[in-house]
């Protein structure tokens, strides 16, 4: 599971039957440096994820990728590569202990 920021939405025309009533969003993964800086930037390569939670543009989400992304639809087979699993309410990152000269 990775963290990302919702940057927009995707509309399919014609839509796949398995996507009817579901929303696709553009998610920009968040790098650890940007998460620590709390600057609202992502820094990763954007991807499309299926979102059933209603995440708004600018909200941070946690998403799964690959085969695990289709697990919420089991036993149905849905052609999805990424799935928004939760909306992040808050994020706390602690600096690593024992690393001389490291700042987070």
C-alpha atoms as a PDB file:
ATOM      1  CA  UNK A   1       0.000   0.000   0.000  1.00  0.00           C
ATOM      2  CA  UNK A   2       1.250   3.482  -0.884  1.00  0.00           C
ATOM      3  CA  UNK A   3       0.145   7.042  -0.202  1.00  0.00           C
ATOM      4  CA  UNK A   4      -0.937   9.432  -2.928  1.00  0.00           C
ATOM      5  CA  UNK A   5      -2.777  12.691  -3.542  1.00  0.00           C
ATOM      6  CA  UNK A   6      -5.889  12.798  -5.738  1.00  0.00           C
ATOM      7  CA  UNK A   7      -5.201  15.207  -8.618  1.00  0.00           C
ATOM      8  CA  UNK A   8      -8.289  14.726 -10.807  1.00  0.00           C
ATOM      9  CA  UNK A   9     -10.754  12.266 -12.285  1.00  0.00           C
ATOM     10  CA  UNK A  10     -11.049  10.176 -15.452  1.00  0.00           C
ATOM     11  CA  UNK A  11     -14.151   9.679 -17.603  1.00  0.00           C
ATOM     12  CA  UNK A  12     -14.441   6.643 -19.884  1.00  0.00           C
ATOM     13  CA  UNK A  13     -16.649   6.765 -22.953  1.00  0.00           C
ATOM     14  CA  UNK A  14     -17.780   4.095 -23.548  1.00  0.00           C
ATOM     15  CA  UNK A  15     -17.305   2.769 -20.049  1.00  0.00           C
ATOM     16  CA  UNK A  16     -16.530  -0.815 -19.173  1.00  0.00           C
ATOM     17  CA  UNK A  17     -19.530  -2.598 -17.693  1.00  0.00           C
ATOM     18  CA  UNK A  18     -17.550  -3.469 -14.550  1.00  0.00           C
ATOM     19  CA  UNK A  19     -16.859   0.265 -13.971  1.00  0.00           C
ATOM     20  CA  UNK A  20     -20.510   1.371 -14.146  1.00  0.00           C
ATOM     21  CA  UNK A  21     -21.288   3.535 -11.118  1.00  0.00           C
ATOM     22  CA  UNK A  22     -17.640   3.639 -10.066  1.00  0.00           C
ATOM     23  CA  UNK A  23     -15.229   6.573 -10.170  1.00  0.00           C
ATOM     24  CA  UNK A  24     -11.700   6.663 -11.564  1.00  0.00           C
ATOM     25  CA  UNK A  25      -9.251   9.200 -10.143  1.00  0.00           C
ATOM     26  CA  UNK A  26      -5.751  10.355 -11.017  1.00  0.00           C
ATOM     27  CA  UNK A  27      -3.460   9.740  -8.018  1.00  0.00           C
ATOM     28  CA  UNK A  28       0.048  11.154  -7.621  1.00  0.00           C
ATOM     29  CA  UNK A  29       2.129   8.986  -5.257  1.00  0.00           C
ATOM     30  CA  UNK A  30       3.793  10.838  -2.368  1.00  0.00           C
ATOM     31  CA  UNK A  31       7.537  10.544  -1.815  1.00  0.00           C
ATOM     32  CA  UNK A  32       8.846  10.238   1.744  1.00  0.00           C
ATOM     33  CA  UNK A  33      10.606  13.618   1.417  1.00  0.00           C
ATOM     34  CA  UNK A  34       7.354  15.381   0.490  1.00  0.00           C
ATOM     35  CA  UNK A  35       5.391  13.525   3.177  1.00  0.00           C
ATOM     36  CA  UNK A  36       7.919  14.701   5.793  1.00  0.00           C
ATOM     37  CA  UNK A  37       7.840  18.265   4.432  1.00  0.00           C
ATOM     38  CA  UNK A  38       4.012  18.285   4.513  1.00  0.00           C
ATOM     39  CA  UNK A  39       4.081  20.503   1.437  1.00  0.00           C
ATOM     40  CA  UNK A  40       1.122  18.951  -0.404  1.00  0.00           C
ATOM     41  CA  UNK A  41       3.350  17.748  -3.235  1.00  0.00           C
ATOM     42  CA  UNK A  42       3.405  14.184  -4.478  1.00  0.00           C
ATOM     43  CA  UNK A  43       6.564  13.638  -6.446  1.00  0.00           C
ATOM     44  CA  UNK A  44       5.752  10.243  -7.956  1.00  0.00           C
ATOM     45  CA  UNK A  45       4.493   9.200 -11.392  1.00  0.00           C
ATOM     46  CA  UNK A  46       0.707   9.656 -11.562  1.00  0.00           C
ATOM     47  CA  UNK A  47      -1.599   6.669 -12.062  1.00  0.00           C
ATOM     48  CA  UNK A  48      -5.308   5.943 -12.386  1.00  0.00           C
ATOM     49  CA  UNK A  49      -7.090   4.261  -9.467  1.00  0.00           C
ATOM     50  CA  UNK A  50     -10.647   3.127  -8.851  1.00  0.00           C
ATOM     51  CA  UNK A  51     -12.204   5.138  -6.000  1.00  0.00           C
ATOM     52  CA  UNK A  52     -15.392   4.091  -4.211  1.00  0.00           C
ATOM     53  CA  UNK A  53     -14.707   6.320  -1.191  1.00  0.00           C
ATOM     54  CA  UNK A  54     -15.407   9.687  -2.794  1.00  0.00           C
ATOM     55  CA  UNK A  55     -11.967  11.214  -2.252  1.00  0.00           C
ATOM     56  CA  UNK A  56     -11.828  14.856  -3.312  1.00  0.00           C
ATOM     57  CA  UNK A  57      -9.120  16.501  -5.388  1.00  0.00           C
ATOM     58  CA  UNK A  58      -6.219  17.332  -3.075  1.00  0.00           C
ATOM     59  CA  UNK A  59      -7.015  14.650  -0.491  1.00  0.00           C
ATOM     60  CA  UNK A  60      -4.411  12.074   0.477  1.00  0.00           C
ATOM     61  CA  UNK A  61      -5.395   8.441  -0.013  1.00  0.00           C
ATOM     62  CA  UNK A  62      -3.760   5.076   0.515  1.00  0.00           C
ATOM     63  CA  UNK A  63      -3.952   2.839  -2.537  1.00  0.00           C
ATOM     64  CA  UNK A  64      -3.079  -0.712  -3.456  1.00  0.00           C
ATOM     65  CA  UNK A  65      -1.740  -1.830  -6.798  1.00  0.00           C
ATOM     66  CA  UNK A  66      -1.570  -4.997  -8.840  1.00  0.00           C
ATOM     67  CA  UNK A  67      -3.603  -8.089  -8.104  1.00  0.00           C
ATOM     68  CA  UNK A  68      -4.476  -6.863  -4.603  1.00  0.00           C
ATOM     69  CA  UNK A  69      -6.356  -3.926  -6.166  1.00  0.00           C
ATOM     70  CA  UNK A  70      -9.056  -6.289  -7.431  1.00  0.00           C
ATOM     71  CA  UNK A  71      -9.563  -8.077  -4.079  1.00  0.00           C
ATOM     72  CA  UNK A  72     -12.507  -5.857  -2.983  1.00  0.00           C
ATOM     73  CA  UNK A  73     -14.515  -7.199  -5.944  1.00  0.00           C
ATOM     74  CA  UNK A  74     -13.860 -10.897  -5.363  1.00  0.00           C
ATOM     75  CA  UNK A  75     -15.222 -13.249  -6.692  1.00  0.00           C
ATOM     76  CA  UNK A  76     -16.035 -10.948  -9.633  1.00  0.00           C
ATOM     77  CA  UNK A  77     -13.162 -10.151 -11.963  1.00  0.00           C
ATOM     78  CA  UNK A  78     -12.691  -6.403 -12.410  1.00  0.00           C
ATOM     79  CA  UNK A  79      -9.931  -5.030 -14.634  1.00  0.00           C
ATOM     80  CA  UNK A  80      -8.353  -2.628 -12.144  1.00  0.00           C
ATOM     81  CA  UNK A  81      -4.652  -1.937 -11.515  1.00  0.00           C
ATOM     82  CA  UNK A  82      -4.996   0.417  -8.515  1.00  0.00           C
ATOM     83  CA  UNK A  83      -7.677   0.855  -5.834  1.00  0.00           C
ATOM     84  CA  UNK A  84      -8.154   3.622  -3.242  1.00  0.00           C
ATOM     85  CA  UNK A  85      -8.345   1.704   0.026  1.00  0.00           C
ATOM     86  CA  UNK A  86      -8.729   4.606   2.481  1.00  0.00           C
ATOM     87  CA  UNK A  87      -8.740   8.373   2.850  1.00  0.00           C
ATOM     88  CA  UNK A  88      -5.910   9.619   5.082  1.00  0.00           C
ATOM     89  CA  UNK A  89      -7.147  11.754   7.980  1.00  0.00           C
ATOM     90  CA  UNK A  90      -3.736  12.561   9.427  1.00  0.00           C
ATOM     91  CA  UNK A  91      -0.153  11.479   8.893  1.00  0.00           C
ATOM     92  CA  UNK A  92       2.584  11.432  11.512  1.00  0.00           C
ATOM     93  CA  UNK A  93       6.130  10.550  10.505  1.00  0.00           C
ATOM     94  CA  UNK A  94       8.800  10.039  13.157  1.00  0.00           C
ATOM     95  CA  UNK A  95      12.483  10.579  12.355  1.00  0.00           C
ATOM     96  CA  UNK A  96      14.599   7.459  12.211  1.00  0.00           C
ATOM     97  CA  UNK A  97      16.453   6.758  15.448  1.00  0.00           C
ATOM     98  CA  UNK A  98      20.162   6.074  15.523  1.00  0.00           C
ATOM     99  CA  UNK A  99      21.114   7.772  12.265  1.00  0.00           C
ATOM    100  CA  UNK A 100      23.717  10.436  12.876  1.00  0.00           C
ATOM    101  CA  UNK A 101      23.054  13.701  11.098  1.00  0.00           C
ATOM    102  CA  UNK A 102      19.655  12.682   9.723  1.00  0.00           C
ATOM    103  CA  UNK A 103      16.908  15.236   9.733  1.00  0.00           C
ATOM    104  CA  UNK A 104      13.313  14.614   8.755  1.00  0.00           C
END
